[in-house]
């Protein structure tokens, strides 16, 4: 069975770095005033991009200096064996990132630096600098770290509009796969609008799928368009029998990354609209058999106590059924529309919520036992992890 795996490269530490491992699979659960100086210090090649796409070598020469190597120390739990109890060990992790402004702010993945110590950033000049975390956001798997380096050594990348990305567009990934500094691979945009799981179990909607080769160590590096601008942040690969590239990688869209990075720089925290529910897409096979279940929409699987949905008295599914081998939860509320937009599946609902802000009021069309009603609620903010 295939699975999504993070692509940070790590090595076990036993008195030093010894042996190489791979990132862990993510769980399969479901959810500013500072302006980023994304166009500062652009080269002549980048400036001419408005006239058309650049050649791959031009993209590399203009973008590679902005890509950094990120190393840090993280604590991982070693599973128990028949002879040993579970234990913690220090590991050295390696990922990628890219400069976004002249202050030394660098975008990377949350899973590259979350809970890390001893973070260092290696610039294209060959010099490594200590870095501090500005903010992390596990809900989008985006983080910002900052280095105090000479401005002349910082060459920021510009963000493109990921909403304009189309299947078939050229895509270039630059990062540090397996520790091979600033490697560039080329491919195309294979799909848009994909959904992947974030480190905290929420959904990252509208991610970009690419066949540009992405491997462990590419985490946090930029996915570039034909003009050398960032359309995404490389975050995960599809894994099968091996934990290497199989031609399916996923990048957090630049629109999300830019918005989150701006918030992190401004306040150290990013906000995300939150309903306070887990949902499953309604299966048509089940809908044909279960009385009162709408033909399409999402079933509320669970409701978070004290969350917006709980305050609006939404009811979670109460029983499990099996129809022609399809197992589903039914008996509670189903959401079929948000502010008049019909909901086809859980991915669509996640995408609609991603465009909203905490504190906004939304109107849900809800079905319970065949009866439809309108529910108005105020969206919350995704709870921050404790500890």
Protein backbone atom coordinates (compact mmCIF):
# COMPACT_ATOMS: atom_id res chain seq x y z
CA UNK A 1 0.00 0.00 0.00
CA UNK A 2 1.32 3.43 -0.87
CA UNK A 3 1.64 6.12 1.75
CA UNK A 4 2.72 9.72 2.16
CA UNK A 5 6.07 10.18 3.85
CA UNK A 6 7.88 13.29 4.96
CA UNK A 7 11.21 13.88 3.29
CA UNK A 8 13.53 15.21 5.97
CA UNK A 9 16.73 13.17 6.15
CA UNK A 10 17.88 12.06 9.58
CA UNK A 11 20.79 10.15 11.04
CA UNK A 12 20.91 8.45 14.44
CA UNK A 13 23.32 10.00 16.91
CA UNK A 14 25.34 7.69 19.14
CA UNK A 15 28.24 9.86 20.22
CA UNK A 16 28.05 11.32 16.72
CA UNK A 17 26.22 10.82 13.44
CA UNK A 18 26.09 7.15 12.54
CA UNK A 19 23.83 5.51 9.99
CA UNK A 20 21.11 7.08 7.90
CA UNK A 21 17.35 6.77 8.22
CA UNK A 22 14.26 8.23 6.61
CA UNK A 23 11.43 10.44 7.74
CA UNK A 24 8.40 8.97 9.46
CA UNK A 25 5.01 8.49 7.85
CA UNK A 26 2.46 11.13 8.75
CA UNK A 27 -0.79 10.23 10.48
CA UNK A 28 -3.99 9.98 8.47
CA UNK A 29 -6.34 12.06 10.64
CA UNK A 30 -8.32 15.27 9.47
CA UNK A 31 -8.39 20.63 9.43
CA UNK A 32 0.05 40.25 10.17
CA UNK A 33 1.04 43.10 9.12
CA UNK A 34 4.55 42.31 7.93
CA UNK A 35 4.96 42.06 4.17
CA UNK A 36 7.43 39.51 2.86
CA UNK A 37 10.12 41.10 0.73
CA UNK A 38 9.81 38.37 -1.86
CA UNK A 39 11.12 40.43 -4.75
CA UNK A 40 14.19 41.93 -3.09
CA UNK A 41 17.59 41.28 -4.67
CA UNK A 42 16.21 39.59 -7.75
CA UNK A 43 18.79 39.00 -10.45
CA UNK A 44 18.61 40.23 -14.03
CA UNK A 45 17.56 36.77 -15.16
CA UNK A 46 14.60 36.81 -12.75
CA UNK A 47 13.62 40.32 -13.76
CA UNK A 48 13.44 39.26 -17.40
CA UNK A 49 11.12 36.37 -16.50
CA UNK A 50 8.10 38.56 -17.20
CA UNK A 51 8.95 38.24 -20.87
CA UNK A 52 8.78 34.45 -20.80
CA UNK A 53 10.08 31.26 -19.28
CA UNK A 54 13.76 30.90 -18.44
CA UNK A 55 16.06 28.10 -19.49
CA UNK A 56 16.74 25.54 -16.72
CA UNK A 57 20.35 26.72 -16.30
CA UNK A 58 19.14 30.31 -15.88
CA UNK A 59 16.65 29.21 -13.25
CA UNK A 60 19.35 27.36 -11.36
CA UNK A 61 21.84 30.24 -11.46
CA UNK A 62 19.25 32.72 -10.20
CA UNK A 63 17.48 30.52 -7.64
CA UNK A 64 20.11 28.18 -6.19
CA UNK A 65 21.86 30.93 -4.16
CA UNK A 66 18.61 31.40 -2.21
CA UNK A 67 18.33 27.71 -1.26
CA UNK A 68 19.84 26.75 2.10
CA UNK A 69 20.83 23.61 3.96
CA UNK A 70 19.13 23.25 7.36
CA UNK A 71 20.58 20.95 10.03
CA UNK A 72 19.36 20.46 13.57
CA UNK A 73 19.01 17.96 16.41
CA UNK A 74 15.70 16.23 17.13
CA UNK A 75 14.54 13.66 19.67
CA UNK A 76 12.89 10.51 18.32
CA UNK A 77 11.34 7.56 20.12
CA UNK A 78 12.81 4.15 19.35
CA UNK A 79 10.03 1.50 19.38
CA UNK A 80 10.36 -1.30 21.92
CA UNK A 81 11.57 -4.78 20.98
CA UNK A 82 11.20 -8.13 22.69
CA UNK A 83 14.30 -7.33 24.71
CA UNK A 84 14.34 -3.54 25.09
CA UNK A 85 11.80 -0.95 26.26
CA UNK A 86 10.99 2.14 24.18
CA UNK A 87 13.75 4.72 24.33
CA UNK A 88 14.56 8.21 23.14
CA UNK A 89 17.52 9.04 20.97
CA UNK A 90 19.00 12.19 19.52
CA UNK A 91 19.07 12.37 15.74
CA UNK A 92 20.61 14.86 13.41
CA UNK A 93 18.09 16.01 10.80
CA UNK A 94 18.80 17.60 7.44
CA UNK A 95 16.35 19.52 5.29
CA UNK A 96 16.11 22.45 2.91
CA UNK A 97 14.76 25.97 2.94
CA UNK A 98 14.91 29.21 1.00
CA UNK A 99 15.48 32.87 1.78
CA UNK A 100 12.42 35.12 1.46
CA UNK A 101 13.66 38.55 2.61
CA UNK A 102 16.75 40.62 3.36
CA UNK A 103 16.28 40.22 7.12
CA UNK A 104 17.39 36.60 6.95
CA UNK A 105 13.94 34.97 7.15
CA UNK A 106 13.90 31.49 5.65
CA UNK A 107 10.88 29.32 4.82
CA UNK A 108 11.08 25.58 5.46
CA UNK A 109 8.80 22.76 6.61
CA UNK A 110 7.47 22.56 10.14
CA UNK A 111 8.60 18.93 10.36
CA UNK A 112 12.20 19.97 9.59
CA UNK A 113 12.53 22.16 12.71
CA UNK A 114 9.64 21.28 15.04
CA UNK A 115 11.06 20.59 18.51
CA UNK A 116 14.60 20.97 17.18
CA UNK A 117 17.69 22.36 18.89
CA UNK A 118 21.00 23.51 17.49
CA UNK A 119 19.50 24.73 14.20
CA UNK A 120 22.06 25.85 11.64
CA UNK A 121 21.61 27.24 8.14
CA UNK A 122 24.18 26.74 5.41
CA UNK A 123 24.17 29.43 2.72
CA UNK A 124 25.38 29.17 -0.85
CA UNK A 125 28.53 31.05 0.19
CA UNK A 126 29.55 27.94 2.09
CA UNK A 127 29.23 29.63 5.48
CA UNK A 128 26.93 28.16 8.14
CA UNK A 129 25.07 30.34 10.64
CA UNK A 130 23.06 29.51 13.79
CA UNK A 131 19.35 30.12 13.31
CA UNK A 132 16.39 30.67 15.58
CA UNK A 133 12.79 29.71 15.01
CA UNK A 134 10.52 32.65 14.24
CA UNK A 135 7.40 30.49 14.19
CA UNK A 136 6.11 27.07 13.23
CA UNK A 137 2.72 26.00 11.90
CA UNK A 138 2.06 22.24 11.88
CA UNK A 139 -1.37 22.79 10.30
CA UNK A 140 0.28 23.86 7.03
CA UNK A 141 3.69 22.22 7.64
CA UNK A 142 5.34 25.63 7.20
CA UNK A 143 7.95 27.22 9.46
CA UNK A 144 10.16 30.29 9.38
CA UNK A 145 13.68 30.46 10.82
CA UNK A 146 15.96 33.49 10.85
CA UNK A 147 19.71 33.90 10.46
CA UNK A 148 21.79 36.97 11.13
CA UNK A 149 23.94 36.96 8.02
CA UNK A 150 25.37 39.76 5.87
CA UNK A 151 22.68 41.12 3.55
CA UNK A 152 24.98 40.57 0.59
CA UNK A 153 24.81 36.82 1.18
CA UNK A 154 21.00 36.75 1.20
CA UNK A 155 19.30 36.40 -2.19
CA UNK A 156 15.51 36.09 -1.65
CA UNK A 157 13.20 34.17 -3.94
CA UNK A 158 9.89 35.57 -5.16
CA UNK A 159 6.56 33.83 -4.62
CA UNK A 160 4.38 33.14 -7.65
CA UNK A 161 0.59 32.85 -7.55
CA UNK A 162 -0.06 29.14 -7.03
CA UNK A 163 -3.73 29.60 -7.98
CA UNK A 164 -2.56 30.14 -11.56
CA UNK A 165 -0.54 26.92 -11.73
CA UNK A 166 -1.83 24.40 -14.29
CA UNK A 167 -1.19 20.75 -14.97
CA UNK A 168 1.65 20.43 -17.49
CA UNK A 169 3.48 23.57 -16.36
CA UNK A 170 7.23 23.08 -15.89
CA UNK A 171 8.36 22.46 -12.31
CA UNK A 172 11.86 22.56 -10.83
CA UNK A 173 12.86 21.43 -7.35
CA UNK A 174 16.06 22.64 -5.69
CA UNK A 175 17.12 21.17 -2.38
CA UNK A 176 19.50 18.87 -0.58
CA UNK A 177 18.40 15.27 -1.30
CA UNK A 178 20.45 12.83 0.80
CA UNK A 179 22.72 15.74 1.71
CA UNK A 180 23.68 16.56 -1.88
CA UNK A 181 23.65 20.35 -1.64
CA UNK A 182 21.51 22.40 -4.02
CA UNK A 183 20.53 19.64 -6.39
CA UNK A 184 18.01 20.67 -9.05
CA UNK A 185 15.55 18.26 -10.63
CA UNK A 186 13.03 18.99 -13.37
CA UNK A 187 9.55 17.80 -14.23
CA UNK A 188 6.04 19.11 -14.64
CA UNK A 189 3.05 19.91 -12.48
CA UNK A 190 1.29 16.54 -12.43
CA UNK A 191 -1.87 17.68 -10.63
CA UNK A 192 -3.26 20.51 -8.54
CA UNK A 193 -5.81 20.59 -5.76
CA UNK A 194 -4.40 17.55 -3.96
CA UNK A 195 -4.88 17.11 -0.20
CA UNK A 196 -2.19 15.78 2.13
CA UNK A 197 -1.98 15.25 5.88
CA UNK A 198 -0.24 17.85 8.03
CA UNK A 199 2.02 16.89 10.95
CA UNK A 200 -0.83 17.55 13.40
CA UNK A 201 -3.34 15.45 11.45
CA UNK A 202 -5.22 18.30 9.79
CA UNK A 203 -5.55 18.53 6.02
CA UNK A 204 -3.37 20.73 3.83
CA UNK A 205 -5.61 21.49 0.83
CA UNK A 206 -4.74 22.48 -2.73
CA UNK A 207 -1.22 21.06 -2.71
CA UNK A 208 0.71 20.70 -5.97
CA UNK A 209 1.69 17.25 -7.23
CA UNK A 210 4.85 17.00 -9.32
CA UNK A 211 7.01 14.35 -10.94
CA UNK A 212 10.17 16.42 -10.42
CA UNK A 213 12.38 14.07 -8.42
CA UNK A 214 12.07 14.75 -4.68
CA UNK A 215 13.83 12.68 -2.01
CA UNK A 216 14.76 12.76 1.66
CA UNK A 217 16.47 16.06 2.43
CA UNK A 218 14.32 18.02 -0.04
CA UNK A 219 11.85 18.91 2.73
CA UNK A 220 11.33 22.67 2.87
CA UNK A 221 12.98 23.44 -0.45
CA UNK A 222 11.27 25.43 -3.20
CA UNK A 223 9.29 24.10 -6.15
CA UNK A 224 9.82 26.64 -8.92
CA UNK A 225 7.94 27.54 -12.07
CA UNK A 226 9.41 28.33 -15.49
CA UNK A 227 10.24 31.84 -14.34
CA UNK A 228 12.21 30.72 -11.32
CA UNK A 229 9.54 31.80 -8.83
CA UNK A 230 8.24 29.70 -5.95
CA UNK A 231 4.97 27.87 -6.59
CA UNK A 232 5.27 25.51 -3.62
CA UNK A 233 7.30 24.17 -0.70
CA UNK A 234 8.33 20.53 -1.19
CA UNK A 235 6.94 18.54 1.71
CA UNK A 236 6.07 14.89 1.03
CA UNK A 237 6.53 12.04 -1.41
CA UNK A 238 4.30 9.10 -2.18
CA UNK A 239 5.96 5.99 -0.80
CA UNK A 240 5.43 2.40 -1.92
CA UNK A 241 7.77 -0.48 -1.23
CA UNK A 242 10.70 1.95 -1.03
CA UNK A 243 11.15 5.27 0.75
CA UNK A 244 12.54 7.02 -2.31
CA UNK A 245 11.23 8.98 -5.24
CA UNK A 246 8.61 7.23 -7.36
CA UNK A 247 7.66 10.27 -9.40
CA UNK A 248 4.95 11.54 -7.05
CA UNK A 249 5.82 14.45 -4.79
CA UNK A 250 3.70 17.09 -3.10
CA UNK A 251 4.37 20.75 -2.36
CA UNK A 252 2.45 23.11 -0.09
CA UNK A 253 1.11 25.80 -2.47
CA UNK A 254 2.91 29.14 -2.46
CA UNK A 255 -0.27 31.07 -1.64
CA UNK A 256 -0.54 29.10 1.61
CA UNK A 257 3.18 29.29 2.36
CA UNK A 258 3.33 33.04 1.80
CA UNK A 259 0.25 33.73 3.93
CA UNK A 260 1.48 31.53 6.78
CA UNK A 261 5.04 32.90 6.64
CA UNK A 262 3.72 36.46 6.79
CA UNK A 263 1.71 35.62 9.90
CA UNK A 264 4.61 33.80 11.55
CA UNK A 265 6.94 36.74 10.98
CA UNK A 266 4.35 39.15 12.37
CA UNK A 267 3.28 37.23 15.46
CA UNK A 268 4.95 33.81 15.60
CA UNK A 269 1.57 32.17 15.05
CA UNK A 270 -0.63 31.39 12.04
CA UNK A 271 -4.41 31.23 12.25
CA UNK A 272 -6.62 28.75 10.39
CA UNK A 273 -10.40 28.64 10.25
CA UNK A 274 -11.71 25.68 12.24
CA UNK A 275 -15.10 23.96 12.46
CA UNK A 276 -14.15 21.60 15.25
CA UNK A 277 -15.24 18.42 13.48
CA UNK A 278 -13.82 15.40 11.70
CA UNK A 279 -15.67 14.41 8.57
CA UNK A 280 -15.80 11.64 5.99
CA UNK A 281 -17.02 11.92 2.41
CA UNK A 282 -20.40 10.29 1.85
CA UNK A 283 -20.10 7.14 -0.24
CA UNK A 284 -22.82 6.96 -2.95
CA UNK A 285 -23.16 3.21 -2.36
CA UNK A 286 -24.03 3.84 1.27
CA UNK A 287 -26.28 6.81 0.47
CA UNK A 288 -28.46 4.63 -1.77
CA UNK A 289 -29.20 2.25 1.09
CA UNK A 290 -29.22 4.32 4.29
CA UNK A 291 -32.47 6.19 4.67
CA UNK A 292 -32.09 9.92 5.36
CA UNK A 293 -28.48 10.10 4.20
CA UNK A 294 -27.94 12.74 1.45
CA UNK A 295 -26.52 11.66 -1.90
CA UNK A 296 -23.40 13.77 -1.49
CA UNK A 297 -21.65 15.81 1.17
CA UNK A 298 -19.72 14.83 4.28
CA UNK A 299 -20.72 12.94 7.40
CA UNK A 300 -19.70 14.43 10.74
CA UNK A 301 -17.60 11.67 12.30
CA UNK A 302 -16.73 13.43 15.55
CA UNK A 303 -17.30 16.80 17.20
CA UNK A 304 -14.66 18.51 19.35
CA UNK A 305 -16.01 19.46 22.75
CA UNK A 306 -16.27 23.23 23.09
CA UNK A 307 -15.55 23.83 19.39
CA UNK A 308 -17.67 25.85 16.95
CA UNK A 309 -19.63 22.80 15.73
CA UNK A 310 -20.34 21.69 19.29
CA UNK A 311 -21.65 25.14 20.17
CA UNK A 312 -23.91 24.94 17.11
CA UNK A 313 -25.17 21.55 18.37
CA UNK A 314 -23.95 19.48 15.42
CA UNK A 315 -24.27 15.77 16.09
CA UNK A 316 -21.62 13.20 15.25
CA UNK A 317 -22.40 9.82 13.67
CA UNK A 318 -23.89 7.34 16.08
CA UNK A 319 -23.51 3.99 14.35
CA UNK A 320 -21.41 2.03 11.89
CA UNK A 321 -22.88 0.29 8.84
CA UNK A 322 -21.50 -1.92 6.08
CA UNK A 323 -22.96 -1.79 2.57
CA UNK A 324 -21.51 -4.08 -0.09
CA UNK A 325 -18.20 -4.11 1.74
CA UNK A 326 -18.14 -0.34 2.29
CA UNK A 327 -17.99 0.55 5.98
CA UNK A 328 -19.32 3.97 6.96
CA UNK A 329 -20.45 5.97 9.96
CA UNK A 330 -24.02 7.29 9.86
CA UNK A 331 -26.79 8.49 12.15
CA UNK A 332 -25.64 12.04 12.85
CA UNK A 333 -25.37 15.24 10.85
CA UNK A 334 -24.18 15.55 7.28
CA UNK A 335 -22.88 18.85 5.86
CA UNK A 336 -24.04 19.40 2.27
CA UNK A 337 -23.30 23.11 1.70
CA UNK A 338 -21.27 26.02 3.08
CA UNK A 339 -22.58 29.51 2.36
CA UNK A 340 -24.56 28.13 -0.55
CA UNK A 341 -21.70 26.18 -2.14
CA UNK A 342 -22.56 22.50 -2.48
CA UNK A 343 -20.09 20.16 -0.78
CA UNK A 344 -19.01 17.16 -2.84
CA UNK A 345 -16.39 15.73 -0.50
CA UNK A 346 -14.19 16.37 2.51
CA UNK A 347 -11.40 17.83 0.37
CA UNK A 348 -13.71 20.53 -1.00
CA UNK A 349 -14.86 21.47 2.49
CA UNK A 350 -11.25 21.75 3.65
CA UNK A 351 -10.44 23.98 0.68
CA UNK A 352 -13.40 26.28 1.36
CA UNK A 353 -12.42 26.61 5.01
CA UNK A 354 -8.81 27.37 4.06
CA UNK A 355 -10.04 30.55 2.37
CA UNK A 356 -11.82 31.73 5.55
CA UNK A 357 -10.55 33.31 8.75
CA UNK A 358 -11.25 32.56 12.41
CA UNK A 359 -14.08 34.73 13.69
CA UNK A 360 -16.01 34.71 10.41
CA UNK A 361 -19.60 33.53 10.42
CA UNK A 362 -20.62 30.82 7.96
CA UNK A 363 -23.91 29.18 7.11
CA UNK A 364 -23.95 25.41 6.86
CA UNK A 365 -26.70 23.38 5.27
CA UNK A 366 -27.02 20.27 7.40
CA UNK A 367 -29.05 17.07 6.97
CA UNK A 368 -30.09 14.85 9.88
CA UNK A 369 -32.35 11.85 9.29
CA UNK A 370 -33.46 13.35 5.98
CA UNK A 371 -34.40 16.73 7.45
CA UNK A 372 -32.52 19.77 6.15
CA UNK A 373 -31.75 22.87 8.17
CA UNK A 374 -29.48 25.93 8.10
CA UNK A 375 -26.91 26.41 10.87
CA UNK A 376 -24.96 29.65 11.36
CA UNK A 377 -21.78 29.39 13.37
CA UNK A 378 -18.62 31.38 14.05
CA UNK A 379 -15.40 29.74 12.89
CA UNK A 380 -12.74 29.16 15.49
CA UNK A 381 -8.94 28.92 15.21
CA UNK A 382 -7.13 25.59 15.06
CA UNK A 383 -6.02 24.88 18.66
CA UNK A 384 -2.32 25.15 19.31
CA UNK A 385 -0.52 22.08 20.53
CA UNK A 386 0.10 22.07 24.26
CA UNK A 387 3.42 21.45 25.88
